[in-house]
Each structure stands twice: as structure tokens, then as C-alpha cells.
C-alpha atoms as a PDB file:
ATOM      1  CA  UNK A   1     104.199  73.839 113.938  1.00  0.00           C
ATOM      2  CA  UNK A   2     104.010  76.735 111.719  1.00  0.00           C
ATOM      3  CA  UNK A   3     104.648  75.497 108.001  1.00  0.00           C
ATOM      4  CA  UNK A   4     104.603  77.561 104.766  1.00  0.00           C
ATOM      5  CA  UNK A   5     101.704  78.026 102.941  1.00  0.00           C
ATOM      6  CA  UNK A   6     101.651  78.128  98.673  1.00  0.00           C
ATOM      7  CA  UNK A   7     100.696  81.754  98.965  1.00  0.00           C
ATOM      8  CA  UNK A   8     103.295  82.694 101.546  1.00  0.00           C
ATOM      9  CA  UNK A   9     101.005  83.435 104.725  1.00  0.00           C
ATOM     10  CA  UNK A  10     102.040  80.629 107.665  1.00  0.00           C
ATOM     11  CA  UNK A  11      99.600  77.951 108.266  1.00  0.00           C
ATOM     12  CA  UNK A  12      99.621  77.024 112.031  1.00  0.00           C
ATOM     13  CA  UNK A  13      98.467  73.022 112.916  1.00  0.00           C
ATOM     14  CA  UNK A  14      95.172  73.540 112.320  1.00  0.00           C
ATOM     15  CA  UNK A  15      95.107  74.867 108.734  1.00  0.00           C
ATOM     16  CA  UNK A  16      94.407  78.851 109.938  1.00  0.00           C
ATOM     17  CA  UNK A  17      97.126  81.277 108.012  1.00  0.00           C
ATOM     18  CA  UNK A  18      98.282  84.097 109.724  1.00  0.00           C
ATOM     19  CA  UNK A  19      97.436  86.980 107.475  1.00  0.00           C
ATOM     20  CA  UNK A  20      99.898  91.072 108.187  1.00  0.00           C
ATOM     21  CA  UNK A  21      98.931  94.052 106.648  1.00  0.00           C
ATOM     22  CA  UNK A  22     101.467  93.163 104.237  1.00  0.00           C
ATOM     23  CA  UNK A  23      99.871  90.328 102.784  1.00  0.00           C
ATOM     24  CA  UNK A  24      96.433  90.893 103.779  1.00  0.00           C
ATOM     25  CA  UNK A  25      95.389  91.725  99.826  1.00  0.00           C
ATOM     26  CA  UNK A  26      97.276  88.686  98.824  1.00  0.00           C
ATOM     27  CA  UNK A  27      95.927  86.027 100.916  1.00  0.00           C
ATOM     28  CA  UNK A  28      92.223  88.131 101.351  1.00  0.00           C
ATOM     29  CA  UNK A  29      91.189  90.201  98.822  1.00  0.00           C
ATOM     30  CA  UNK A  30      92.539  88.552  95.681  1.00  0.00           C
ATOM     31  CA  UNK A  31      91.901  85.182  96.785  1.00  0.00           C
ATOM     32  CA  UNK A  32      89.498  83.064  94.610  1.00  0.00           C
ATOM     33  CA  UNK A  33      87.303  81.948  97.233  1.00  0.00           C
ATOM     34  CA  UNK A  34      85.440  83.513  99.978  1.00  0.00           C
ATOM     35  CA  UNK A  35      87.651  84.116 102.968  1.00  0.00           C
ATOM     36  CA  UNK A  36      86.778  83.882 106.675  1.00  0.00           C
ATOM     37  CA  UNK A  37      89.170  86.647 108.770  1.00  0.00           C
ATOM     38  CA  UNK A  38      89.659  86.361 112.003  1.00  0.00           C
ATOM     39  CA  UNK A  39      90.508  89.972 113.822  1.00  0.00           C
ATOM     40  CA  UNK A  40      92.079  89.134 117.244  1.00  0.00           C
ATOM     41  CA  UNK A  41      94.900  89.507 120.147  1.00  0.00           C
ATOM     42  CA  UNK A  42      96.988  87.398 122.024  1.00  0.00           C
ATOM     43  CA  UNK A  43      95.149  89.238 124.726  1.00  0.00           C
ATOM     44  CA  UNK A  44      91.917  88.165 123.681  1.00  0.00           C
ATOM     45  CA  UNK A  45      90.318  85.115 125.976  1.00  0.00           C
ATOM     46  CA  UNK A  46      87.531  84.980 123.259  1.00  0.00           C
ATOM     47  CA  UNK A  47      89.261  84.935 120.158  1.00  0.00           C
ATOM     48  CA  UNK A  48      91.306  81.583 122.206  1.00  0.00           C
ATOM     49  CA  UNK A  49      87.705  79.928 122.910  1.00  0.00           C
ATOM     50  CA  UNK A  50      87.009  80.459 119.403  1.00  0.00           C
ATOM     51  CA  UNK A  51      90.259  78.878 117.434  1.00  0.00           C
ATOM     52  CA  UNK A  52      89.989  75.082 117.927  1.00  0.00           C
ATOM     53  CA  UNK A  53      86.275  75.979 116.154  1.00  0.00           C
ATOM     54  CA  UNK A  54      87.678  78.287 113.172  1.00  0.00           C
ATOM     55  CA  UNK A  55      90.522  75.443 113.145  1.00  0.00           C
ATOM     56  CA  UNK A  56      87.865  72.702 112.518  1.00  0.00           C
ATOM     57  CA  UNK A  57      86.167  75.087 110.337  1.00  0.00           C
ATOM     58  CA  UNK A  58      89.371  75.472 107.737  1.00  0.00           C
ATOM     59  CA  UNK A  59      89.818  71.804 108.063  1.00  0.00           C
ATOM     60  CA  UNK A  60      86.432  70.864 107.167  1.00  0.00           C
ATOM     61  CA  UNK A  61      85.307  73.952 104.500  1.00  0.00           C
ATOM     62  CA  UNK A  62      88.676  74.007 103.425  1.00  0.00           C
ATOM     63  CA  UNK A  63      87.404  72.852  99.530  1.00  0.00           C
ATOM     64  CA  UNK A  64      85.268  76.764  99.081  1.00  0.00           C
ATOM     65  CA  UNK A  65      86.048  78.221 102.650  1.00  0.00           C
ATOM     66  CA  UNK A  66      89.516  79.901 103.779  1.00  0.00           C
ATOM     67  CA  UNK A  67      90.335  80.824 106.781  1.00  0.00           C
ATOM     68  CA  UNK A  68      92.694  83.173 108.473  1.00  0.00           C
ATOM     69  CA  UNK A  69      93.636  85.580 111.405  1.00  0.00           C
ATOM     70  CA  UNK A  70      95.188  88.843 111.919  1.00  0.00           C
ATOM     71  CA  UNK A  71      96.539  90.324 114.673  1.00  0.00           C
ATOM     72  CA  UNK A  72      94.997  93.441 115.857  1.00  0.00           C
ATOM     73  CA  UNK A  73      97.878  94.409 117.509  1.00  0.00           C
ATOM     74  CA  UNK A  74     100.602  93.845 115.445  1.00  0.00           C
ATOM     75  CA  UNK A  75      98.463  95.310 111.886  1.00  0.00           C
ATOM     76  CA  UNK A  76      96.901  98.358 112.900  1.00  0.00           C
ATOM     77  CA  UNK A  77      96.519  99.645 109.112  1.00  0.00           C
ATOM     78  CA  UNK A  78      94.190  96.638 108.205  1.00  0.00           C
ATOM     79  CA  UNK A  79      92.609  96.620 111.873  1.00  0.00           C
ATOM     80  CA  UNK A  80      91.634 100.346 111.203  1.00  0.00           C
ATOM     81  CA  UNK A  81      90.941  99.841 107.590  1.00  0.00           C
ATOM     82  CA  UNK A  82      87.717  97.716 108.361  1.00  0.00           C
ATOM     83  CA  UNK A  83      86.587  99.342 111.988  1.00  0.00           C
ATOM     84  CA  UNK A  84      87.839  96.667 114.031  1.00  0.00           C
ATOM     85  CA  UNK A  85      86.624  97.762 117.677  1.00  0.00           C
ATOM     86  CA  UNK A  86      85.777  94.626 119.624  1.00  0.00           C
ATOM     87  CA  UNK A  87      87.989  91.143 119.374  1.00  0.00           C
ATOM     88  CA  UNK A  88      87.284  88.509 118.038  1.00  0.00           C
ATOM     89  CA  UNK A  89      85.545  90.282 115.161  1.00  0.00           C
ATOM     90  CA  UNK A  90      84.663  87.472 112.502  1.00  0.00           C
ATOM     91  CA  UNK A  91      84.625  88.753 108.342  1.00  0.00           C
ATOM     92  CA  UNK A  92      84.245  87.108 105.479  1.00  0.00           C
ATOM     93  CA  UNK A  93      85.370  88.818 102.752  1.00  0.00           C
ATOM     94  CA  UNK A  94      83.869  87.438  99.022  1.00  0.00           C
ATOM     95  CA  UNK A  95      85.711  88.785  95.383  1.00  0.00           C
ATOM     96  CA  UNK A  96      87.555  91.430  97.749  1.00  0.00           C
ATOM     97  CA  UNK A  97      84.927  92.819  99.747  1.00  0.00           C
ATOM     98  CA  UNK A  98      83.538  92.170 102.733  1.00  0.00           C
ATOM     99  CA  UNK A  99      80.270  90.543 102.806  1.00  0.00           C
ATOM    100  CA  UNK A 100      79.390  89.616 106.886  1.00  0.00           C
ATOM    101  CA  UNK A 101      80.945  91.088 109.627  1.00  0.00           C
ATOM    102  CA  UNK A 102      79.752  89.008 113.501  1.00  0.00           C
ATOM    103  CA  UNK A 103      81.730  90.427 116.701  1.00  0.00           C
ATOM    104  CA  UNK A 104      82.458  87.804 119.351  1.00  0.00           C
ATOM    105  CA  UNK A 105      82.796  83.643 119.560  1.00  0.00           C
ATOM    106  CA  UNK A 106      80.247  81.483 118.952  1.00  0.00           C
ATOM    107  CA  UNK A 107      79.503  77.751 118.047  1.00  0.00           C
ATOM    108  CA  UNK A 108      80.572  75.917 115.096  1.00  0.00           C
ATOM    109  CA  UNK A 109      76.876  75.347 113.935  1.00  0.00           C
ATOM    110  CA  UNK A 110      75.933  78.807 114.659  1.00  0.00           C
ATOM    111  CA  UNK A 111      78.803  80.139 112.858  1.00  0.00           C
ATOM    112  CA  UNK A 112      78.197  78.065 109.923  1.00  0.00           C
ATOM    113  CA  UNK A 113      74.661  79.175 109.902  1.00  0.00           C
ATOM    114  CA  UNK A 114      75.522  82.412 109.666  1.00  0.00           C
ATOM    115  CA  UNK A 115      77.792  82.793 106.966  1.00  0.00           C
ATOM    116  CA  UNK A 116      75.956  79.849 104.541  1.00  0.00           C
ATOM    117  CA  UNK A 117      74.267  82.109 102.430  1.00  0.00           C
ATOM    118  CA  UNK A 118      77.751  84.247 101.287  1.00  0.00           C
ATOM    119  CA  UNK A 119      79.906  80.930 100.839  1.00  0.00           C
END
């Protein structure tokens, strides 16, 4: 099931919104909280592995962190702008700037430890 968020992005059942080249600036760069962006692809097995982890983080950390995903195949402009070459790439943006970048799936505990200092 897909619903509309108040800012116009699609949000899946897990609370991870989908952003596009067209909505990236408003949804990520202009967000009032840090944003964890997953650069993902439908053909990427590690992306599917980390999806439940990101959904859980989106639910549990909604008060201080926004979690979104961007399909690299459908959104080449944003993908190229941030030099994303591998999936999944996880990037934390704060105040419109990327402040942390990680490549590959990882357990929730490790991911939260890696981003704790930028939240």
C-alpha cells in the first residue's frame, strides 16, 4: 500500500518515503531533520536485505530522522550528482549537505552506531 505524505512523496508501509530527481531538493535538502537516503535498485539483493532495517529505523527514529529511498535507475541526475556507483549507498544529509556515506547492507545496530554522531 502506498500513501501520500504531507510533502508529496510516496511512503510505503514501512515509513520509508520514495524520492525522485524532481522531489529530492524539497524532501531531502530542505528537510528540517537529518535524512538518511538509500540509493537503491530493484535488481540489488543487498538493497532488499536492508529494506526491513531501514523501515524499522524509519518507524523508531521518526522524531529525529527521516528515511527515504531513491531508485538509481529511475533517477540518474541525483545519482550522478552524489557520485553513487554501488548499491545500496546510504547517505545522511543534514542542513542540505551530505555528512556521512556508507556502501553496503549492514545490521541495524551497526548502522545506528555509524550515524549516531550526525543525528
